[in-house]
Protein backbone atom coordinates (compact mmCIF):
# COMPACT_ATOMS: atom_id res chain seq x y z
CA UNK A 1 2.42 -8.91 14.91
CA UNK A 2 3.56 -5.30 15.59
CA UNK A 3 4.65 -5.69 12.24
CA UNK A 4 1.72 -6.64 10.81
CA UNK A 5 -0.58 -2.93 12.29
CA UNK A 6 2.23 -0.71 10.31
CA UNK A 7 1.80 -2.86 7.28
CA UNK A 8 -2.46 -2.90 7.81
CA UNK A 9 -1.83 1.59 8.49
CA UNK A 10 0.43 1.73 5.84
CA UNK A 11 -2.38 -0.07 3.66
CA UNK A 12 -5.13 1.40 4.94
CA UNK A 13 -3.63 5.24 4.28
CA UNK A 14 -4.33 5.51 0.43
CA UNK A 15 -7.26 3.80 0.51
CA UNK A 16 -9.10 5.59 3.21
CA UNK A 17 -8.05 8.84 0.89
CA UNK A 18 -10.31 6.52 -1.47
CA UNK A 19 -13.06 5.94 0.40
CA UNK A 20 -12.63 10.15 1.17
CA UNK A 21 -12.38 10.77 -2.65
CA UNK A 22 -15.76 8.92 -3.44
CA UNK A 23 -17.40 9.96 -0.84
CA UNK A 24 -20.57 12.21 -1.56
CA UNK A 25 -20.42 15.29 0.02
CA UNK A 26 -16.71 16.07 -1.53
CA UNK A 27 -17.62 18.67 -4.34
CA UNK A 28 -16.03 17.28 -7.23
CA UNK A 29 -13.63 20.35 -7.64
CA UNK A 30 -11.57 19.37 -4.62
CA UNK A 31 -11.61 15.60 -5.61
CA UNK A 32 -10.28 16.55 -8.45
CA UNK A 33 -7.42 18.73 -6.83
CA UNK A 34 -6.59 15.95 -4.30
CA UNK A 35 -6.84 13.48 -7.51
CA UNK A 36 -4.66 14.89 -9.12
CA UNK A 37 -1.55 15.29 -6.52
CA UNK A 38 -1.92 11.43 -5.65
CA UNK A 39 -2.01 10.53 -9.07
CA UNK A 40 1.30 12.79 -8.98
CA UNK A 41 3.05 11.54 -6.34
CA UNK A 42 2.47 8.02 -7.54
CA UNK A 43 4.31 8.63 -10.80
CA UNK A 44 7.24 10.90 -9.19
CA UNK A 45 7.63 7.10 -6.88
CA UNK A 46 7.36 4.77 -9.75
CA UNK A 47 9.87 7.72 -12.08
CA UNK A 48 13.45 6.73 -11.80
CA UNK A 49 14.80 10.22 -12.11
CA UNK A 50 14.24 11.86 -9.32
CA UNK A 51 14.98 16.08 -8.21
CA UNK A 52 17.91 14.63 -6.41
CA UNK A 53 19.19 11.16 -7.27
CA UNK A 54 18.73 8.87 -4.95
CA UNK A 55 22.78 7.71 -5.62
CA UNK A 56 24.02 10.72 -3.42
CA UNK A 57 24.40 10.38 0.32
CA UNK A 58 22.60 11.25 2.46
CA UNK A 59 20.39 14.02 0.59
CA UNK A 60 19.24 11.49 -2.48
CA UNK A 61 16.74 10.68 -0.31
CA UNK A 62 15.94 13.76 1.30
CA UNK A 63 13.82 14.70 -1.71
CA UNK A 64 12.10 11.48 -1.62
CA UNK A 65 10.87 12.17 2.31
CA UNK A 66 10.55 16.15 2.24
CA UNK A 67 7.66 15.60 -1.36
CA UNK A 68 6.10 12.26 -0.76
CA UNK A 69 4.46 13.29 3.01
CA UNK A 70 4.61 17.04 1.11
CA UNK A 71 1.96 15.73 -0.60
CA UNK A 72 -0.28 13.89 0.91
CA UNK A 73 -0.84 16.69 3.62
CA UNK A 74 -1.50 19.00 0.71
CA UNK A 75 -3.69 16.40 0.32
CA UNK A 76 -5.30 15.86 3.55
CA UNK A 77 -5.74 19.96 3.82
CA UNK A 78 -7.85 20.10 0.60
CA UNK A 79 -10.22 17.62 1.86
CA UNK A 80 -12.40 18.77 4.24
CA UNK A 81 -13.28 16.34 7.93
CA UNK A 82 -16.38 14.70 6.49
CA UNK A 83 -16.71 10.97 8.86
CA UNK A 84 -12.85 10.60 9.21
CA UNK A 85 -13.06 8.79 11.72
CA UNK A 86 -15.84 6.37 10.21
CA UNK A 87 -13.62 6.02 6.72
CA UNK A 88 -10.41 5.35 8.46
CA UNK A 89 -12.05 2.37 10.87
CA UNK A 90 -13.49 0.57 7.53
CA UNK A 91 -10.25 1.73 5.95
CA UNK A 92 -8.14 -0.51 8.68
CA UNK A 93 -11.05 -3.19 9.10
CA UNK A 94 -11.03 -3.86 4.83
CA UNK A 95 -7.46 -3.63 5.32
CA UNK A 96 -7.10 -6.60 7.40
CA UNK A 97 -9.13 -8.47 5.94
CA UNK A 98 -7.06 -8.27 2.48
CA UNK A 99 -4.13 -8.51 4.57
CA UNK A 100 -5.35 -11.92 6.58
CA UNK A 101 -7.05 -12.62 2.90
CA UNK A 102 -3.68 -13.17 1.42
CA UNK A 103 -1.46 -14.29 3.90
CA UNK A 104 -3.32 -16.89 4.08
CA UNK A 105 -3.12 -17.71 0.54
CA UNK A 106 0.02 -16.88 0.53
CA UNK A 107 0.64 -19.47 3.34
CA UNK A 108 -1.52 -22.33 1.45
CA UNK A 109 0.56 -22.22 -1.80
CA UNK A 110 3.10 -22.37 -0.21
CA UNK A 111 2.26 -25.35 1.84
CA UNK A 112 1.16 -26.88 -2.12
CA UNK A 113 4.09 -25.87 -3.54
CA UNK A 114 6.57 -27.92 0.00
CA UNK A 115 4.23 -30.78 -0.73
CA UNK A 116 4.46 -30.99 -3.95
CA UNK A 117 8.28 -30.89 -3.87
CA UNK A 118 7.76 -33.44 -0.72
CA UNK A 119 5.82 -35.93 -3.12
CA UNK A 120 8.78 -35.35 -6.29
CA UNK A 121 11.27 -36.21 -4.37
CA UNK A 122 10.03 -39.35 -2.64
CA UNK A 123 8.92 -40.16 -6.29
CA UNK A 124 12.71 -39.52 -7.12
CA UNK A 125 14.17 -41.37 -4.51
CA UNK A 126 11.29 -44.52 -5.18
CA UNK A 127 11.97 -44.19 -8.71
CA UNK A 128 16.00 -44.42 -8.41
CA UNK A 129 16.44 -47.14 -5.44
């Protein structure tokens, strides 16, 4: 289940930043700067046009590998260290709950789908015989 921990950490990090941005102890000016960097980063990730096209071998992914951690690092430097361990713990707990509920929901949907398919096969075989 080490992969599940990695997924939870990847989801918990942006959620933790969001919790930090919602903290009342952080000045509005800092929230706007940090939020703007994160929004621009998100738009850059969604944008199909990169600074260096991804089809270029090795160098194409270099801008993504440098820009994304750089933007996250810049955002982290703008936000003062206010109750970071507590907020990270809350983010991980909330994310773990979300991921487990998501996996449970997917499992239920898969079981219902398999049961429905089995019932349809049973009815089709019974009808044709």
